[in-house]
Amino acid sequence: AQWTVDELTRQARLYDELAAGSPTVVTLDAARDPDDVAREVWARVRL
């Protein structure tokens, strides 16, 4: 509803550029199984 594919593509590029310039950002592949992603997030928060 909100953005076109082209607009999302531009936003994704901006996210990648900002994440690459910040060592504190953890990038996770959201295309993976959601339960696997949730377990990785929980492991980091638990630490």
ModelCIF file with pLDDT and N, C-alpha, C, O atoms, coordinates in Angstrom:
data_MODEL
#
_entry.id   MODEL 
#
_entity.id                         1 
_entity.type                       polymer 
_entity.pdbx_number_of_molecules   1 
#
_entity_poly.entity_id                      1 
_entity_poly.type                           'polypeptide(L)' 
_entity_poly.nstd_linkage                   no 
_entity_poly.nstd_monomer                   no 
_entity_poly.pdbx_seq_one_letter_code       AQWTVDELTRQARLYDELAAGSPTVVTLDAARDPDDVAREVWARVRL 
_entity_poly.pdbx_seq_one_letter_code_can   AQWTVDELTRQARLYDELAAGSPTVVTLDAARDPDDVAREVWARVRL 
_entity_poly.pdbx_strand_id                 A 
#
loop_
_entity_poly_seq.entity_id 
_entity_poly_seq.num 
_entity_poly_seq.mon_id 
_entity_poly_seq.hetero 
1 1  ALA n 
1 2  GLN n 
1 3  TRP n 
1 4  THR n 
1 5  VAL n 
1 6  ASP n 
1 7  GLU n 
1 8  LEU n 
1 9  THR n 
1 10 ARG n 
1 11 GLN n 
1 12 ALA n 
1 13 ARG n 
1 14 LEU n 
1 15 TYR n 
1 16 ASP n 
1 17 GLU n 
1 18 LEU n 
1 19 ALA n 
1 20 ALA n 
1 21 GLY n 
1 22 SER n 
1 23 PRO n 
1 24 THR n 
1 25 VAL n 
1 26 VAL n 
1 27 THR n 
1 28 LEU n 
1 29 ASP n 
1 30 ALA n 
1 31 ALA n 
1 32 ARG n 
1 33 ASP n 
1 34 PRO n 
1 35 ASP n 
1 36 ASP n 
1 37 VAL n 
1 38 ALA n 
1 39 ARG n 
1 40 GLU n 
1 41 VAL n 
1 42 TRP n 
1 43 ALA n 
1 44 ARG n 
1 45 VAL n 
1 46 ARG n 
1 47 LEU n 
#
_struct_asym.id          A 
_struct_asym.entity_id   1 
#
loop_
_ma_qa_metric.id 
_ma_qa_metric.mode 
_ma_qa_metric.name 
_ma_qa_metric.software_group_id 
_ma_qa_metric.type 
1 global pLDDT . pLDDT 
2 local  pLDDT . pLDDT 
#
_ma_qa_metric_global.metric_id      1 
_ma_qa_metric_global.metric_value   93.21 
_ma_qa_metric_global.model_id       1 
_ma_qa_metric_global.ordinal_id     1 
#
loop_
_ma_qa_metric_local.label_asym_id 
_ma_qa_metric_local.label_comp_id 
_ma_qa_metric_local.label_seq_id 
_ma_qa_metric_local.metric_id 
_ma_qa_metric_local.metric_value 
_ma_qa_metric_local.model_id 
_ma_qa_metric_local.ordinal_id 
A ALA 1  2 77.00 1 1  
A GLN 2  2 82.00 1 2  
A TRP 3  2 90.00 1 3  
A THR 4  2 93.00 1 4  
A VAL 5  2 95.00 1 5  
A ASP 6  2 95.00 1 6  
A GLU 7  2 94.00 1 7  
A LEU 8  2 95.00 1 8  
A THR 9  2 96.00 1 9  
A ARG 10 2 94.00 1 10 
A GLN 11 2 94.00 1 11 
A ALA 12 2 96.00 1 12 
A ARG 13 2 95.00 1 13 
A LEU 14 2 94.00 1 14 
A TYR 15 2 95.00 1 15 
A ASP 16 2 95.00 1 16 
A GLU 17 2 92.00 1 17 
A LEU 18 2 92.00 1 18 
A ALA 19 2 93.00 1 19 
A ALA 20 2 90.00 1 20 
A GLY 21 2 83.00 1 21 
A SER 22 2 86.00 1 22 
A PRO 23 2 84.00 1 23 
A THR 24 2 85.00 1 24 
A VAL 25 2 94.00 1 25 
A VAL 26 2 96.00 1 26 
A THR 27 2 96.00 1 27 
A LEU 28 2 97.00 1 28 
A ASP 29 2 96.00 1 29 
A ALA 30 2 94.00 1 30 
A ALA 31 2 93.00 1 31 
A ARG 32 2 94.00 1 32 
A ASP 33 2 96.00 1 33 
A PRO 34 2 95.00 1 34 
A ASP 35 2 96.00 1 35 
A ASP 36 2 97.00 1 36 
A VAL 37 2 97.00 1 37 
A ALA 38 2 97.00 1 38 
A ARG 39 2 96.00 1 39 
A GLU 40 2 97.00 1 40 
A VAL 41 2 97.00 1 41 
A TRP 42 2 96.00 1 42 
A ALA 43 2 95.00 1 43 
A ARG 44 2 95.00 1 44 
A VAL 45 2 95.00 1 45 
A ARG 46 2 94.00 1 46 
A LEU 47 2 93.00 1 47 
#
loop_
_atom_site.group_PDB 
_atom_site.id 
_atom_site.type_symbol 
_atom_site.label_atom_id 
_atom_site.label_alt_id 
_atom_site.label_comp_id 
_atom_site.label_asym_id 
_atom_site.label_entity_id 
_atom_site.label_seq_id 
_atom_site.pdbx_PDB_ins_code 
_atom_site.Cartn_x 
_atom_site.Cartn_y 
_atom_site.Cartn_z 
_atom_site.occupancy 
_atom_site.B_iso_or_equiv 
_atom_site.pdbx_formal_charge 
_atom_site.auth_seq_id 
_atom_site.auth_comp_id 
_atom_site.auth_asym_id 
_atom_site.auth_atom_id 
_atom_site.pdbx_PDB_model_num 
ATOM 1   N N  . ALA A 1 1  ? 0.797  -1.228  0.000  1.00 77.00 ? 1  ALA A N  1 
ATOM 2   C CA . ALA A 1 1  ? 0.000  0.000   0.000  1.00 77.00 ? 1  ALA A CA 1 
ATOM 3   C C  . ALA A 1 1  ? 0.829  1.277   0.000  1.00 77.00 ? 1  ALA A C  1 
ATOM 4   O O  . ALA A 1 1  ? 0.445  2.254   -0.644 1.00 77.00 ? 1  ALA A O  1 
ATOM 5   N N  . GLN A 1 2  ? 1.957  1.295   0.705  1.00 82.00 ? 2  GLN A N  1 
ATOM 6   C CA . GLN A 1 2  ? 2.636  2.563   0.961  1.00 82.00 ? 2  GLN A CA 1 
ATOM 7   C C  . GLN A 1 2  ? 3.706  2.920   -0.059 1.00 82.00 ? 2  GLN A C  1 
ATOM 8   O O  . GLN A 1 2  ? 3.742  4.057   -0.529 1.00 82.00 ? 2  GLN A O  1 
ATOM 9   N N  . TRP A 1 3  ? 4.579  1.983   -0.416 1.00 90.00 ? 3  TRP A N  1 
ATOM 10  C CA . TRP A 1 3  ? 5.732  2.283   -1.259 1.00 90.00 ? 3  TRP A CA 1 
ATOM 11  C C  . TRP A 1 3  ? 5.707  1.440   -2.531 1.00 90.00 ? 3  TRP A C  1 
ATOM 12  O O  . TRP A 1 3  ? 5.143  0.346   -2.560 1.00 90.00 ? 3  TRP A O  1 
ATOM 13  N N  . THR A 1 4  ? 6.327  1.970   -3.578 1.00 93.00 ? 4  THR A N  1 
ATOM 14  C CA . THR A 1 4  ? 6.521  1.190   -4.795 1.00 93.00 ? 4  THR A CA 1 
ATOM 15  C C  . THR A 1 4  ? 7.789  0.351   -4.654 1.00 93.00 ? 4  THR A C  1 
ATOM 16  O O  . THR A 1 4  ? 8.581  0.555   -3.734 1.00 93.00 ? 4  THR A O  1 
ATOM 17  N N  . VAL A 1 5  ? 7.972  -0.588  -5.568 1.00 95.00 ? 5  VAL A N  1 
ATOM 18  C CA . VAL A 1 5  ? 9.174  -1.422  -5.527 1.00 95.00 ? 5  VAL A CA 1 
ATOM 19  C C  . VAL A 1 5  ? 10.419 -0.563  -5.720 1.00 95.00 ? 5  VAL A C  1 
ATOM 20  O O  . VAL A 1 5  ? 11.433 -0.783  -5.059 1.00 95.00 ? 5  VAL A O  1 
ATOM 21  N N  . ASP A 1 6  ? 10.346 0.419   -6.628 1.00 95.00 ? 6  ASP A N  1 
ATOM 22  C CA . ASP A 1 6  ? 11.495 1.297   -6.850 1.00 95.00 ? 6  ASP A CA 1 
ATOM 23  C C  . ASP A 1 6  ? 11.847 2.083   -5.590 1.00 95.00 ? 6  ASP A C  1 
ATOM 24  O O  . ASP A 1 6  ? 13.022 2.223   -5.250 1.00 95.00 ? 6  ASP A O  1 
ATOM 25  N N  . GLU A 1 7  ? 10.837 2.591   -4.903 1.00 94.00 ? 7  GLU A N  1 
ATOM 26  C CA . GLU A 1 7  ? 11.093 3.334   -3.671 1.00 94.00 ? 7  GLU A CA 1 
ATOM 27  C C  . GLU A 1 7  ? 11.682 2.430   -2.590 1.00 94.00 ? 7  GLU A C  1 
ATOM 28  O O  . GLU A 1 7  ? 12.590 2.837   -1.866 1.00 94.00 ? 7  GLU A O  1 
ATOM 29  N N  . LEU A 1 8  ? 11.173 1.221   -2.483 1.00 95.00 ? 8  LEU A N  1 
ATOM 30  C CA . LEU A 1 8  ? 11.715 0.269   -1.505 1.00 95.00 ? 8  LEU A CA 1 
ATOM 31  C C  . LEU A 1 8  ? 13.150 -0.121  -1.859 1.00 95.00 ? 8  LEU A C  1 
ATOM 32  O O  . LEU A 1 8  ? 13.976 -0.334  -0.971 1.00 95.00 ? 8  LEU A O  1 
ATOM 33  N N  . THR A 1 9  ? 13.441 -0.213  -3.136 1.00 96.00 ? 9  THR A N  1 
ATOM 34  C CA . THR A 1 9  ? 14.802 -0.528  -3.567 1.00 96.00 ? 9  THR A CA 1 
ATOM 35  C C  . THR A 1 9  ? 15.769 0.572   -3.154 1.00 96.00 ? 9  THR A C  1 
ATOM 36  O O  . THR A 1 9  ? 16.878 0.300   -2.696 1.00 96.00 ? 9  THR A O  1 
ATOM 37  N N  . ARG A 1 10 ? 15.340 1.809   -3.319 1.00 94.00 ? 10 ARG A N  1 
ATOM 38  C CA . ARG A 1 10 ? 16.179 2.929   -2.900 1.00 94.00 ? 10 ARG A CA 1 
ATOM 39  C C  . ARG A 1 10 ? 16.371 2.934   -1.379 1.00 94.00 ? 10 ARG A C  1 
ATOM 40  O O  . ARG A 1 10 ? 17.476 3.166   -0.890 1.00 94.00 ? 10 ARG A O  1 
ATOM 41  N N  . GLN A 1 11 ? 15.295 2.680   -0.642 1.00 94.00 ? 11 GLN A N  1 
ATOM 42  C CA . GLN A 1 11 ? 15.408 2.623   0.815  1.00 94.00 ? 11 GLN A CA 1 
ATOM 43  C C  . GLN A 1 11 ? 16.335 1.492   1.258  1.00 94.00 ? 11 GLN A C  1 
ATOM 44  O O  . GLN A 1 11 ? 17.139 1.667   2.174  1.00 94.00 ? 11 GLN A O  1 
ATOM 45  N N  . ALA A 1 12 ? 16.223 0.342   0.611  1.00 96.00 ? 12 ALA A N  1 
ATOM 46  C CA . ALA A 1 12 ? 17.082 -0.796  0.962  1.00 96.00 ? 12 ALA A CA 1 
ATOM 47  C C  . ALA A 1 12 ? 18.550 -0.447  0.760  1.00 96.00 ? 12 ALA A C  1 
ATOM 48  O O  . ALA A 1 12 ? 19.400 -0.838  1.561  1.00 96.00 ? 12 ALA A O  1 
ATOM 49  N N  . ARG A 1 13 ? 18.850 0.288   -0.309 1.00 95.00 ? 13 ARG A N  1 
ATOM 50  C CA . ARG A 1 13 ? 20.227 0.709   -0.555 1.00 95.00 ? 13 ARG A CA 1 
ATOM 51  C C  . ARG A 1 13 ? 20.718 1.648   0.546  1.00 95.00 ? 13 ARG A C  1 
ATOM 52  O O  . ARG A 1 13 ? 21.867 1.552   0.979  1.00 95.00 ? 13 ARG A O  1 
ATOM 53  N N  . LEU A 1 14 ? 19.855 2.550   0.998  1.00 94.00 ? 14 LEU A N  1 
ATOM 54  C CA . LEU A 1 14 ? 20.229 3.456   2.077  1.00 94.00 ? 14 LEU A CA 1 
ATOM 55  C C  . LEU A 1 14 ? 20.467 2.695   3.379  1.00 94.00 ? 14 LEU A C  1 
ATOM 56  O O  . LEU A 1 14 ? 21.418 2.985   4.105  1.00 94.00 ? 14 LEU A O  1 
ATOM 57  N N  . TYR A 1 15 ? 19.613 1.732   3.670  1.00 95.00 ? 15 TYR A N  1 
ATOM 58  C CA . TYR A 1 15 ? 19.818 0.904   4.868  1.00 95.00 ? 15 TYR A CA 1 
ATOM 59  C C  . TYR A 1 15 ? 21.168 0.193   4.810  1.00 95.00 ? 15 TYR A C  1 
ATOM 60  O O  . TYR A 1 15 ? 21.907 0.169   5.794  1.00 95.00 ? 15 TYR A O  1 
ATOM 61  N N  . ASP A 1 16 ? 21.483 -0.382  3.656  1.00 95.00 ? 16 ASP A N  1 
ATOM 62  C CA . ASP A 1 16 ? 22.745 -1.108  3.505  1.00 95.00 ? 16 ASP A CA 1 
ATOM 63  C C  . ASP A 1 16 ? 23.939 -0.178  3.710  1.00 95.00 ? 16 ASP A C  1 
ATOM 64  O O  . ASP A 1 16 ? 24.909 -0.545  4.373  1.00 95.00 ? 16 ASP A O  1 
ATOM 65  N N  . GLU A 1 17 ? 23.866 1.020   3.143  1.00 92.00 ? 17 GLU A N  1 
ATOM 66  C CA . GLU A 1 17 ? 24.971 1.971   3.274  1.00 92.00 ? 17 GLU A CA 1 
ATOM 67  C C  . GLU A 1 17 ? 25.168 2.390   4.733  1.00 92.00 ? 17 GLU A C  1 
ATOM 68  O O  . GLU A 1 17 ? 26.301 2.467   5.208  1.00 92.00 ? 17 GLU A O  1 
ATOM 69  N N  . LEU A 1 18 ? 24.084 2.657   5.435  1.00 92.00 ? 18 LEU A N  1 
ATOM 70  C CA . LEU A 1 18 ? 24.181 3.074   6.828  1.00 92.00 ? 18 LEU A CA 1 
ATOM 71  C C  . LEU A 1 18 ? 24.662 1.932   7.719  1.00 92.00 ? 18 LEU A C  1 
ATOM 72  O O  . LEU A 1 18 ? 25.461 2.143   8.631  1.00 92.00 ? 18 LEU A O  1 
ATOM 73  N N  . ALA A 1 19 ? 24.174 0.724   7.451  1.00 93.00 ? 19 ALA A N  1 
ATOM 74  C CA . ALA A 1 19 ? 24.594 -0.426  8.255  1.00 93.00 ? 19 ALA A CA 1 
ATOM 75  C C  . ALA A 1 19 ? 26.074 -0.724  8.050  1.00 93.00 ? 19 ALA A C  1 
ATOM 76  O O  . ALA A 1 19 ? 26.775 -1.092  8.993  1.00 93.00 ? 19 ALA A O  1 
ATOM 77  N N  . ALA A 1 20 ? 26.549 -0.563  6.808  1.00 90.00 ? 20 ALA A N  1 
ATOM 78  C CA . ALA A 1 20 ? 27.960 -0.811  6.528  1.00 90.00 ? 20 ALA A CA 1 
ATOM 79  C C  . ALA A 1 20 ? 28.856 0.180   7.249  1.00 90.00 ? 20 ALA A C  1 
ATOM 80  O O  . ALA A 1 20 ? 29.999 -0.138  7.580  1.00 90.00 ? 20 ALA A O  1 
ATOM 81  N N  . GLY A 1 21 ? 28.345 1.378   7.493  1.00 83.00 ? 21 GLY A N  1 
ATOM 82  C CA . GLY A 1 21 ? 29.138 2.400   8.167  1.00 83.00 ? 21 GLY A CA 1 
ATOM 83  C C  . GLY A 1 21 ? 28.990 2.409   9.665  1.00 83.00 ? 21 GLY A C  1 
ATOM 84  O O  . GLY A 1 21 ? 29.565 3.269   10.332 1.00 83.00 ? 21 GLY A O  1 
ATOM 85  N N  . SER A 1 22 ? 28.230 1.471   10.219 1.00 86.00 ? 22 SER A N  1 
ATOM 86  C CA . SER A 1 22 ? 28.023 1.412   11.668 1.00 86.00 ? 22 SER A CA 1 
ATOM 87  C C  . SER A 1 22 ? 28.340 0.004   12.171 1.00 86.00 ? 22 SER A C  1 
ATOM 88  O O  . SER A 1 22 ? 27.580 -0.925  11.896 1.00 86.00 ? 22 SER A O  1 
ATOM 89  N N  . PRO A 1 23 ? 29.439 -0.175  12.899 1.00 84.00 ? 23 PRO A N  1 
ATOM 90  C CA . PRO A 1 23 ? 29.811 -1.512  13.374 1.00 84.00 ? 23 PRO A CA 1 
ATOM 91  C C  . PRO A 1 23 ? 28.870 -2.078  14.419 1.00 84.00 ? 23 PRO A C  1 
ATOM 92  O O  . PRO A 1 23 ? 28.952 -3.265  14.734 1.00 84.00 ? 23 PRO A O  1 
ATOM 93  N N  . THR A 1 24 ? 27.969 -1.253  14.972 1.00 85.00 ? 24 THR A N  1 
ATOM 94  C CA . THR A 1 24 ? 27.060 -1.741  16.010 1.00 85.00 ? 24 THR A CA 1 
ATOM 95  C C  . THR A 1 24 ? 25.792 -2.372  15.439 1.00 85.00 ? 24 THR A C  1 
ATOM 96  O O  . THR A 1 24 ? 25.018 -2.980  16.178 1.00 85.00 ? 24 THR A O  1 
ATOM 97  N N  . VAL A 1 25 ? 25.571 -2.233  14.130 1.00 94.00 ? 25 VAL A N  1 
ATOM 98  C CA . VAL A 1 25 ? 24.360 -2.771  13.514 1.00 94.00 ? 25 VAL A CA 1 
ATOM 99  C C  . VAL A 1 25 ? 24.567 -4.236  13.140 1.00 94.00 ? 25 VAL A C  1 
ATOM 100 O O  . VAL A 1 25 ? 25.546 -4.591  12.485 1.00 94.00 ? 25 VAL A O  1 
ATOM 101 N N  . VAL A 1 26 ? 23.629 -5.076  13.566 1.00 96.00 ? 26 VAL A N  1 
ATOM 102 C CA . VAL A 1 26 ? 23.647 -6.496  13.214 1.00 96.00 ? 26 VAL A CA 1 
ATOM 103 C C  . VAL A 1 26 ? 22.617 -6.713  12.109 1.00 96.00 ? 26 VAL A C  1 
ATOM 104 O O  . VAL A 1 26 ? 21.427 -6.473  12.313 1.00 96.00 ? 26 VAL A O  1 
ATOM 105 N N  . THR A 1 27 ? 23.068 -7.164  10.945 1.00 96.00 ? 27 THR A N  1 
ATOM 106 C CA . THR A 1 27 ? 22.172 -7.395  9.814  1.00 96.00 ? 27 THR A CA 1 
ATOM 107 C C  . THR A 1 27 ? 21.783 -8.868  9.753  1.00 96.00 ? 27 THR A C  1 
ATOM 108 O O  . THR A 1 27 ? 22.645 -9.746  9.700  1.00 96.00 ? 27 THR A O  1 
ATOM 109 N N  . LEU A 1 28 ? 20.482 -9.129  9.760  1.00 97.00 ? 28 LEU A N  1 
ATOM 110 C CA . LEU A 1 28 ? 19.971 -10.501 9.703  1.00 97.00 ? 28 LEU A CA 1 
ATOM 111 C C  . LEU A 1 28 ? 19.136 -10.688 8.435  1.00 97.00 ? 28 LEU A C  1 
ATOM 112 O O  . LEU A 1 28 ? 18.400 -9.793  8.020  1.00 97.00 ? 28 LEU A O  1 
ATOM 113 N N  . ASP A 1 29 ? 19.266 -11.854 7.840  1.00 96.00 ? 29 ASP A N  1 
ATOM 114 C CA . ASP A 1 29 ? 18.520 -12.186 6.637  1.00 96.00 ? 29 ASP A CA 1 
ATOM 115 C C  . ASP A 1 29 ? 17.091 -12.533 7.026  1.00 96.00 ? 29 ASP A C  1 
ATOM 116 O O  . ASP A 1 29 ? 16.827 -13.611 7.559  1.00 96.00 ? 29 ASP A O  1 
ATOM 117 N N  . ALA A 1 30 ? 16.165 -11.606 6.753  1.00 94.00 ? 30 ALA A N  1 
ATOM 118 C CA . ALA A 1 30 ? 14.769 -11.816 7.144  1.00 94.00 ? 30 ALA A CA 1 
ATOM 119 C C  . ALA A 1 30 ? 14.054 -12.795 6.229  1.00 94.00 ? 30 ALA A C  1 
ATOM 120 O O  . ALA A 1 30 ? 12.894 -13.125 6.477  1.00 94.00 ? 30 ALA A O  1 
ATOM 121 N N  . ALA A 1 31 ? 14.718 -13.272 5.168  1.00 93.00 ? 31 ALA A N  1 
ATOM 122 C CA . ALA A 1 31 ? 14.105 -14.259 4.285  1.00 93.00 ? 31 ALA A CA 1 
ATOM 123 C C  . ALA A 1 31 ? 14.241 -15.671 4.850  1.00 93.00 ? 31 ALA A C  1 
ATOM 124 O O  . ALA A 1 31 ? 13.626 -16.607 4.339  1.00 93.00 ? 31 ALA A O  1 
ATOM 125 N N  . ARG A 1 32 ? 15.042 -15.827 5.899  1.00 94.00 ? 32 ARG A N  1 
ATOM 126 C CA . ARG A 1 32 ? 15.197 -17.131 6.541  1.00 94.00 ? 32 ARG A CA 1 
ATOM 127 C C  . ARG A 1 32 ? 13.921 -17.507 7.286  1.00 94.00 ? 32 ARG A C  1 
ATOM 128 O O  . ARG A 1 32 ? 12.979 -16.719 7.381  1.00 94.00 ? 32 ARG A O  1 
ATOM 129 N N  . ASP A 1 33 ? 13.915 -18.736 7.813  1.00 96.00 ? 33 ASP A N  1 
ATOM 130 C CA . ASP A 1 33 ? 12.786 -19.171 8.621  1.00 96.00 ? 33 ASP A CA 1 
ATOM 131 C C  . ASP A 1 33 ? 12.620 -18.227 9.814  1.00 96.00 ? 33 ASP A C  1 
ATOM 132 O O  . ASP A 1 33 ? 13.587 -17.992 10.538 1.00 96.00 ? 33 ASP A O  1 
ATOM 133 N N  . PRO A 1 34 ? 11.423 -17.680 10.038 1.00 95.00 ? 34 PRO A N  1 
ATOM 134 C CA . PRO A 1 34 ? 11.226 -16.718 11.125 1.00 95.00 ? 34 PRO A CA 1 
ATOM 135 C C  . PRO A 1 34 ? 11.629 -17.246 12.491 1.00 95.00 ? 34 PRO A C  1 
ATOM 136 O O  . PRO A 1 34 ? 12.121 -16.490 13.329 1.00 95.00 ? 34 PRO A O  1 
ATOM 137 N N  . ASP A 1 35 ? 11.425 -18.533 12.721 1.00 96.00 ? 35 ASP A N  1 
ATOM 138 C CA . ASP A 1 35 ? 11.806 -19.101 14.018 1.00 96.00 ? 35 ASP A CA 1 
ATOM 139 C C  . ASP A 1 35 ? 13.322 -19.083 14.201 1.00 96.00 ? 35 ASP A C  1 
ATOM 140 O O  . ASP A 1 35 ? 13.813 -18.841 15.303 1.00 96.00 ? 35 ASP A O  1 
ATOM 141 N N  . ASP A 1 36 ? 14.060 -19.338 13.123 1.00 97.00 ? 36 ASP A N  1 
ATOM 142 C CA . ASP A 1 36 ? 15.525 -19.279 13.215 1.00 97.00 ? 36 ASP A CA 1 
ATOM 143 C C  . ASP A 1 36 ? 15.992 -17.855 13.502 1.00 97.00 ? 36 ASP A C  1 
ATOM 144 O O  . ASP A 1 36 ? 16.897 -17.646 14.310 1.00 97.00 ? 36 ASP A O  1 
ATOM 145 N N  . VAL A 1 37 ? 15.382 -16.887 12.845 1.00 97.00 ? 37 VAL A N  1 
ATOM 146 C CA . VAL A 1 37 ? 15.734 -15.489 13.084 1.00 97.00 ? 37 VAL A CA 1 
ATOM 147 C C  . VAL A 1 37 ? 15.413 -15.108 14.522 1.00 97.00 ? 37 VAL A C  1 
ATOM 148 O O  . VAL A 1 37 ? 16.204 -14.430 15.177 1.00 97.00 ? 37 VAL A O  1 
ATOM 149 N N  . ALA A 1 38 ? 14.245 -15.546 15.021 1.00 97.00 ? 38 ALA A N  1 
ATOM 150 C CA . ALA A 1 38 ? 13.840 -15.227 16.393 1.00 97.00 ? 38 ALA A CA 1 
ATOM 151 C C  . ALA A 1 38 ? 14.820 -15.825 17.400 1.00 97.00 ? 38 ALA A C  1 
ATOM 152 O O  . ALA A 1 38 ? 15.142 -15.187 18.402 1.00 97.00 ? 38 ALA A O  1 
ATOM 153 N N  . ARG A 1 39 ? 15.295 -17.044 17.141 1.00 96.00 ? 39 ARG A N  1 
ATOM 154 C CA . ARG A 1 39 ? 16.258 -17.662 18.063 1.00 96.00 ? 39 ARG A CA 1 
ATOM 155 C C  . ARG A 1 39 ? 17.579 -16.891 18.091 1.00 96.00 ? 39 ARG A C  1 
ATOM 156 O O  . ARG A 1 39 ? 18.198 -16.749 19.145 1.00 96.00 ? 39 ARG A O  1 
ATOM 157 N N  . GLU A 1 40 ? 18.006 -16.396 16.931 1.00 97.00 ? 40 GLU A N  1 
ATOM 158 C CA . GLU A 1 40 ? 19.252 -15.635 16.902 1.00 97.00 ? 40 GLU A CA 1 
ATOM 159 C C  . GLU A 1 40 ? 19.096 -14.308 17.642 1.00 97.00 ? 40 GLU A C  1 
ATOM 160 O O  . GLU A 1 40 ? 19.997 -13.887 18.367 1.00 97.00 ? 40 GLU A O  1 
ATOM 161 N N  . VAL A 1 41 ? 17.950 -13.652 17.457 1.00 97.00 ? 41 VAL A N  1 
ATOM 162 C CA . VAL A 1 41 ? 17.701 -12.401 18.176 1.00 97.00 ? 41 VAL A CA 1 
ATOM 163 C C  . VAL A 1 41 ? 17.674 -12.660 19.679 1.00 97.00 ? 41 VAL A C  1 
ATOM 164 O O  . VAL A 1 41 ? 18.279 -11.920 20.455 1.00 97.00 ? 41 VAL A O  1 
ATOM 165 N N  . TRP A 1 42 ? 16.975 -13.706 20.079 1.00 96.00 ? 42 TRP A N  1 
ATOM 166 C CA . TRP A 1 42 ? 16.870 -14.018 21.508 1.00 96.00 ? 42 TRP A CA 1 
ATOM 167 C C  . TRP A 1 42 ? 18.247 -14.325 22.108 1.00 96.00 ? 42 TRP A C  1 
ATOM 168 O O  . TRP A 1 42 ? 18.533 -13.918 23.234 1.00 96.00 ? 42 TRP A O  1 
ATOM 169 N N  . ALA A 1 43 ? 19.087 -15.028 21.376 1.00 95.00 ? 43 ALA A N  1 
ATOM 170 C CA . ALA A 1 43 ? 20.422 -15.355 21.884 1.00 95.00 ? 43 ALA A CA 1 
ATOM 171 C C  . ALA A 1 43 ? 21.230 -14.088 22.136 1.00 95.00 ? 43 ALA A C  1 
ATOM 172 O O  . ALA A 1 43 ? 21.943 -13.990 23.135 1.00 95.00 ? 43 ALA A O  1 
ATOM 173 N N  . ARG A 1 44 ? 21.118 -13.134 21.245 1.00 95.00 ? 44 ARG A N  1 
ATOM 174 C CA . ARG A 1 44 ? 21.866 -11.877 21.420 1.00 95.00 ? 44 ARG A CA 1 
ATOM 175 C C  . ARG A 1 44 ? 21.313 -11.056 22.580 1.00 95.00 ? 44 ARG A C  1 
ATOM 176 O O  . ARG A 1 44 ? 22.075 -10.473 23.351 1.00 95.00 ? 44 ARG A O  1 
ATOM 177 N N  . VAL A 1 45 ? 19.989 -11.011 22.703 1.00 95.00 ? 45 VAL A N  1 
ATOM 178 C CA . VAL A 1 45 ? 19.387 -10.259 23.803 1.00 95.00 ? 45 VAL A CA 1 
ATOM 179 C C  . VAL A 1 45 ? 19.712 -10.915 25.139 1.00 95.00 ? 45 VAL A C  1 
ATOM 180 O O  . VAL A 1 45 ? 19.958 -10.221 26.126 1.00 95.00 ? 45 VAL A O  1 
ATOM 181 N N  . ARG A 1 46 ? 19.715 -12.237 25.180 1.00 94.00 ? 46 ARG A N  1 
ATOM 182 C CA . ARG A 1 46 ? 20.009 -12.940 26.431 1.00 94.00 ? 46 ARG A CA 1 
ATOM 183 C C  . ARG A 1 46 ? 21.444 -12.677 26.889 1.00 94.00 ? 46 ARG A C  1 
ATOM 184 O O  . ARG A 1 46 ? 21.703 -12.552 28.086 1.00 94.00 ? 46 ARG A O  1 
ATOM 185 N N  . LEU A 1 47 ? 22.352 -12.594 25.961 1.00 93.00 ? 47 LEU A N  1 
ATOM 186 C CA . LEU A 1 47 ? 23.742 -12.254 26.328 1.00 93.00 ? 47 LEU A CA 1 
ATOM 187 C C  . LEU A 1 47 ? 23.801 -10.890 26.992 1.00 93.00 ? 47 LEU A C  1 
ATOM 188 O O  . LEU A 1 47 ? 24.880 -10.434 27.370 1.00 93.00 ? 47 LEU A O  1 
#
